[in-house]
Amino acid sequence: MYVLSTGCQWRYIPKDLPPKSTVYGYFCDWAHNGVLDRIHHTLYVACRENILL
């Protein structure tokens, strides 16, 4: 999510995260399985609900 939200290159991910190869592996798995789309949709709905309150 860090790379998606910041546009940051993989080599610049924060040092407190796992190695970039591990993070990239999760990113690929989540993108392929639709997890990133579901996270995006859930956050979108939550933000829209907060704006409308």
PDB file of N, CA and C in Angstrom:
ATOM      1  N   MET A   1       0.830  -1.190   0.000  1.00  0.00           N
ATOM      2  CA  MET A   1       0.000   0.000   0.000  1.00  0.00           C
ATOM      3  C   MET A   1       0.873   1.252   0.000  1.00  0.00           C
ATOM      4  N   TYR A   2       2.036   1.172   0.634  1.00  0.00           N
ATOM      5  CA  TYR A   2       2.921   2.334   0.694  1.00  0.00           C
ATOM      6  C   TYR A   2       3.279   2.806  -0.706  1.00  0.00           C
ATOM      7  N   VAL A   3       3.625   1.893  -1.563  1.00  0.00           N
ATOM      8  CA  VAL A   3       4.014   2.268  -2.926  1.00  0.00           C
ATOM      9  C   VAL A   3       2.824   2.838  -3.682  1.00  0.00           C
ATOM     10  N   LEU A   4       1.659   2.258  -3.503  1.00  0.00           N
ATOM     11  CA  LEU A   4       0.476   2.761  -4.193  1.00  0.00           C
ATOM     12  C   LEU A   4       0.092   4.159  -3.719  1.00  0.00           C
ATOM     13  N   SER A   5       0.213   4.405  -2.431  1.00  0.00           N
ATOM     14  CA  SER A   5      -0.233   5.697  -1.913  1.00  0.00           C
ATOM     15  C   SER A   5       0.775   6.812  -2.121  1.00  0.00           C
ATOM     16  N   THR A   6       2.062   6.475  -2.241  1.00  0.00           N
ATOM     17  CA  THR A   6       3.076   7.514  -2.378  1.00  0.00           C
ATOM     18  C   THR A   6       3.693   7.582  -3.762  1.00  0.00           C
ATOM     19  N   GLY A   7       3.531   6.562  -4.540  1.00  0.00           N
ATOM     20  CA  GLY A   7       4.204   6.513  -5.829  1.00  0.00           C
ATOM     21  C   GLY A   7       5.695   6.277  -5.665  1.00  0.00           C
ATOM     22  N   CYS A   8       6.097   5.873  -4.485  1.00  0.00           N
ATOM     23  CA  CYS A   8       7.510   5.679  -4.161  1.00  0.00           C
ATOM     24  C   CYS A   8       8.048   4.440  -4.866  1.00  0.00           C
ATOM     25  N   GLN A   9       9.302   4.488  -5.203  1.00  0.00           N
ATOM     26  CA  GLN A   9       9.937   3.317  -5.795  1.00  0.00           C
ATOM     27  C   GLN A   9      10.163   2.263  -4.722  1.00  0.00           C
ATOM     28  N   TRP A  10      10.190   0.997  -5.143  1.00  0.00           N
ATOM     29  CA  TRP A  10      10.326  -0.105  -4.204  1.00  0.00           C
ATOM     30  C   TRP A  10      11.564   0.043  -3.334  1.00  0.00           C
ATOM     31  N   ARG A  11      12.652   0.535  -3.881  1.00  0.00           N
ATOM     32  CA  ARG A  11      13.893   0.620  -3.104  1.00  0.00           C
ATOM     33  C   ARG A  11      13.812   1.661  -1.982  1.00  0.00           C
ATOM     34  N   TYR A  12      12.769   2.491  -1.993  1.00  0.00           N
ATOM     35  CA  TYR A  12      12.626   3.529  -0.979  1.00  0.00           C
ATOM     36  C   TYR A  12      11.569   3.214   0.083  1.00  0.00           C
ATOM     37  N   ILE A  13      11.107   1.965   0.134  1.00  0.00           N
ATOM     38  CA  ILE A  13      10.127   1.643   1.170  1.00  0.00           C
ATOM     39  C   ILE A  13      10.793   1.795   2.540  1.00  0.00           C
ATOM     40  N   PRO A  14      10.021   2.146   3.567  1.00  0.00           N
ATOM     41  CA  PRO A  14      10.613   2.376   4.902  1.00  0.00           C
ATOM     42  C   PRO A  14      11.372   1.159   5.413  1.00  0.00           C
ATOM     43  N   LYS A  15      12.389   1.426   6.183  1.00  0.00           N
ATOM     44  CA  LYS A  15      13.248   0.355   6.710  1.00  0.00           C
ATOM     45  C   LYS A  15      12.556  -0.492   7.771  1.00  0.00           C
ATOM     46  N   ASP A  16      11.437   0.012   8.335  1.00  0.00           N
ATOM     47  CA  ASP A  16      10.741  -0.773   9.352  1.00  0.00           C
ATOM     48  C   ASP A  16       9.799  -1.812   8.742  1.00  0.00           C
ATOM     49  N   LEU A  17       9.704  -1.849   7.415  1.00  0.00           N
ATOM     50  CA  LEU A  17       8.930  -2.882   6.728  1.00  0.00           C
ATOM     51  C   LEU A  17       9.839  -4.070   6.417  1.00  0.00           C
ATOM     52  N   PRO A  18       9.250  -5.217   6.092  1.00  0.00           N
ATOM     53  CA  PRO A  18      10.074  -6.376   5.706  1.00  0.00           C
ATOM     54  C   PRO A  18      10.890  -6.049   4.452  1.00  0.00           C
ATOM     55  N   PRO A  19      11.786  -6.947   4.049  1.00  0.00           N
ATOM     56  CA  PRO A  19      12.571  -6.724   2.834  1.00  0.00           C
ATOM     57  C   PRO A  19      11.664  -6.457   1.633  1.00  0.00           C
ATOM     58  N   LYS A  20      12.161  -5.665   0.685  1.00  0.00           N
ATOM     59  CA  LYS A  20      11.325  -5.279  -0.462  1.00  0.00           C
ATOM     60  C   LYS A  20      10.842  -6.486  -1.258  1.00  0.00           C
ATOM     61  N   SER A  21      11.623  -7.563  -1.285  1.00  0.00           N
ATOM     62  CA  SER A  21      11.180  -8.760  -2.010  1.00  0.00           C
ATOM     63  C   SER A  21       9.945  -9.370  -1.353  1.00  0.00           C
ATOM     64  N   THR A  22       9.885  -9.340  -0.027  1.00  0.00           N
ATOM     65  CA  THR A  22       8.725  -9.854   0.705  1.00  0.00           C
ATOM     66  C   THR A  22       7.510  -8.964   0.474  1.00  0.00           C
ATOM     67  N   VAL A  23       7.715  -7.665   0.595  1.00  0.00           N
ATOM     68  CA  VAL A  23       6.626  -6.713   0.382  1.00  0.00           C
ATOM     69  C   VAL A  23       6.099  -6.833  -1.043  1.00  0.00           C
ATOM     70  N   TYR A  24       6.998  -6.931  -2.014  1.00  0.00           N
ATOM     71  CA  TYR A  24       6.591  -7.049  -3.410  1.00  0.00           C
ATOM     72  C   TYR A  24       5.825  -8.359  -3.642  1.00  0.00           C
ATOM     73  N   GLY A  25       6.245  -9.425  -2.980  1.00  0.00           N
ATOM     74  CA  GLY A  25       5.533 -10.703  -3.103  1.00  0.00           C
ATOM     75  C   GLY A  25       4.096 -10.601  -2.616  1.00  0.00           C
ATOM     76  N   TYR A  26       3.911  -9.959  -1.460  1.00  0.00           N
ATOM     77  CA  TYR A  26       2.555  -9.736  -0.950  1.00  0.00           C
ATOM     78  C   TYR A  26       1.758  -8.853  -1.914  1.00  0.00           C
ATOM     79  N   PHE A  27       2.389  -7.797  -2.398  1.00  0.00           N
ATOM     80  CA  PHE A  27       1.717  -6.893  -3.324  1.00  0.00           C
ATOM     81  C   PHE A  27       1.218  -7.653  -4.558  1.00  0.00           C
ATOM     82  N   CYS A  28       2.059  -8.471  -5.136  1.00  0.00           N
ATOM     83  CA  CYS A  28       1.663  -9.240  -6.326  1.00  0.00           C
ATOM     84  C   CYS A  28       0.532 -10.218  -6.004  1.00  0.00           C
ATOM     85  N   ASP A  29       0.655 -10.930  -4.891  1.00  0.00           N
ATOM     86  CA  ASP A  29      -0.390 -11.881  -4.493  1.00  0.00           C
ATOM     87  C   ASP A  29      -1.719 -11.160  -4.274  1.00  0.00           C
ATOM     88  N   TRP A  30      -1.676 -10.044  -3.543  1.00  0.00           N
ATOM     89  CA  TRP A  30      -2.898  -9.304  -3.236  1.00  0.00           C
ATOM     90  C   TRP A  30      -3.512  -8.693  -4.492  1.00  0.00           C
ATOM     91  N   ALA A  31      -2.689  -8.203  -5.395  1.00  0.00           N
ATOM     92  CA  ALA A  31      -3.206  -7.645  -6.646  1.00  0.00           C
ATOM     93  C   ALA A  31      -3.877  -8.744  -7.473  1.00  0.00           C
ATOM     94  N   HIS A  32      -3.242  -9.893  -7.551  1.00  0.00           N
ATOM     95  CA  HIS A  32      -3.778 -11.013  -8.336  1.00  0.00           C
ATOM     96  C   HIS A  32      -5.084 -11.547  -7.738  1.00  0.00           C
ATOM     97  N   ASN A  33      -5.175 -11.587  -6.418  1.00  0.00           N
ATOM     98  CA  ASN A  33      -6.348 -12.153  -5.739  1.00  0.00           C
ATOM     99  C   ASN A  33      -7.474 -11.148  -5.507  1.00  0.00           C
ATOM    100  N   GLY A  34      -7.274  -9.901  -5.909  1.00  0.00           N
ATOM    101  CA  GLY A  34      -8.318  -8.900  -5.764  1.00  0.00           C
ATOM    102  C   GLY A  34      -8.374  -8.252  -4.388  1.00  0.00           C
ATOM    103  N   VAL A  35      -7.406  -8.559  -3.528  1.00  0.00           N
ATOM    104  CA  VAL A  35      -7.400  -8.001  -2.177  1.00  0.00           C
ATOM    105  C   VAL A  35      -7.241  -6.483  -2.224  1.00  0.00           C
ATOM    106  N   LEU A  36      -6.361  -5.983  -3.070  1.00  0.00           N
ATOM    107  CA  LEU A  36      -6.141  -4.538  -3.157  1.00  0.00           C
ATOM    108  C   LEU A  36      -7.408  -3.816  -3.607  1.00  0.00           C
ATOM    109  N   ASP A  37      -8.134  -4.408  -4.535  1.00  0.00           N
ATOM    110  CA  ASP A  37      -9.402  -3.806  -4.983  1.00  0.00           C
ATOM    111  C   ASP A  37     -10.425  -3.766  -3.849  1.00  0.00           C
ATOM    112  N   ARG A  38     -10.490  -4.839  -3.055  1.00  0.00           N
ATOM    113  CA  ARG A  38     -11.433  -4.873  -1.936  1.00  0.00           C
ATOM    114  C   ARG A  38     -11.043  -3.865  -0.849  1.00  0.00           C
ATOM    115  N   ILE A  39      -9.748  -3.743  -0.581  1.00  0.00           N
ATOM    116  CA  ILE A  39      -9.286  -2.744   0.394  1.00  0.00           C
ATOM    117  C   ILE A  39      -9.645  -1.348  -0.093  1.00  0.00           C
ATOM    118  N   HIS A  40      -9.376  -1.082  -1.358  1.00  0.00           N
ATOM    119  CA  HIS A  40      -9.679   0.233  -1.923  1.00  0.00           C
ATOM    120  C   HIS A  40     -11.167   0.535  -1.813  1.00  0.00           C
ATOM    121  N   HIS A  41     -12.000  -0.424  -2.172  1.00  0.00           N
ATOM    122  CA  HIS A  41     -13.441  -0.215  -2.131  1.00  0.00           C
ATOM    123  C   HIS A  41     -13.920   0.040  -0.691  1.00  0.00           C
ATOM    124  N   THR A  42     -13.421  -0.751   0.253  1.00  0.00           N
ATOM    125  CA  THR A  42     -13.812  -0.583   1.653  1.00  0.00           C
ATOM    126  C   THR A  42     -13.416   0.795   2.170  1.00  0.00           C
ATOM    127  N   LEU A  43     -12.189   1.223   1.862  1.00  0.00           N
ATOM    128  CA  LEU A  43     -11.746   2.557   2.291  1.00  0.00           C
ATOM    129  C   LEU A  43     -12.537   3.658   1.597  1.00  0.00           C
ATOM    130  N   TYR A  44     -12.855   3.462   0.338  1.00  0.00           N
ATOM    131  CA  TYR A  44     -13.639   4.449  -0.413  1.00  0.00           C
ATOM    132  C   TYR A  44     -15.020   4.634   0.225  1.00  0.00           C
ATOM    133  N   VAL A  45     -15.676   3.521   0.512  1.00  0.00           N
ATOM    134  CA  VAL A  45     -17.006   3.581   1.133  1.00  0.00           C
ATOM    135  C   VAL A  45     -16.924   4.253   2.501  1.00  0.00           C
ATOM    136  N   ALA A  46     -15.938   3.873   3.308  1.00  0.00           N
ATOM    137  CA  ALA A  46     -15.793   4.468   4.639  1.00  0.00           C
ATOM    138  C   ALA A  46     -15.555   5.975   4.547  1.00  0.00           C
ATOM    139  N   CYS A  47     -14.724   6.402   3.613  1.00  0.00           N
ATOM    140  CA  CYS A  47     -14.464   7.840   3.439  1.00  0.00           C
ATOM    141  C   CYS A  47     -15.723   8.572   2.982  1.00  0.00           C
ATOM    142  N   ARG A  48     -16.440   7.995   2.059  1.00  0.00           N
ATOM    143  CA  ARG A  48     -17.670   8.630   1.576  1.00  0.00           C
ATOM    144  C   ARG A  48     -18.700   8.731   2.695  1.00  0.00           C
ATOM    145  N   GLU A  49     -18.804   7.715   3.522  1.00  0.00           N
ATOM    146  CA  GLU A  49     -19.758   7.757   4.635  1.00  0.00           C
ATOM    147  C   GLU A  49     -19.366   8.843   5.638  1.00  0.00           C
ATOM    148  N   ASN A  50     -18.087   9.012   5.891  1.00  0.00           N
ATOM    149  CA  ASN A  50     -17.637  10.039   6.826  1.00  0.00           C
ATOM    150  C   ASN A  50     -17.885  11.436   6.272  1.00  0.00           C
ATOM    151  N   ILE A  51     -17.759  11.606   4.987  1.00  0.00           N
ATOM    152  CA  ILE A  51     -17.992  12.909   4.370  1.00  0.00           C
ATOM    153  C   ILE A  51     -19.472  13.273   4.450  1.00  0.00           C
ATOM    154  N   LEU A  52     -20.315  12.288   4.299  1.00  0.00           N
ATOM    155  CA  LEU A  52     -21.748  12.536   4.274  1.00  0.00           C
ATOM    156  C   LEU A  52     -22.337  12.722   5.670  1.00  0.00           C
ATOM    157  N   LEU A  53     -21.618  12.386   6.718  1.00  0.00           N
ATOM    158  CA  LEU A  53     -22.161  12.508   8.071  1.00  0.00           C
ATOM    159  C   LEU A  53     -22.151  13.907   8.560  1.00  0.00           C
TER     160      LEU A  53
END
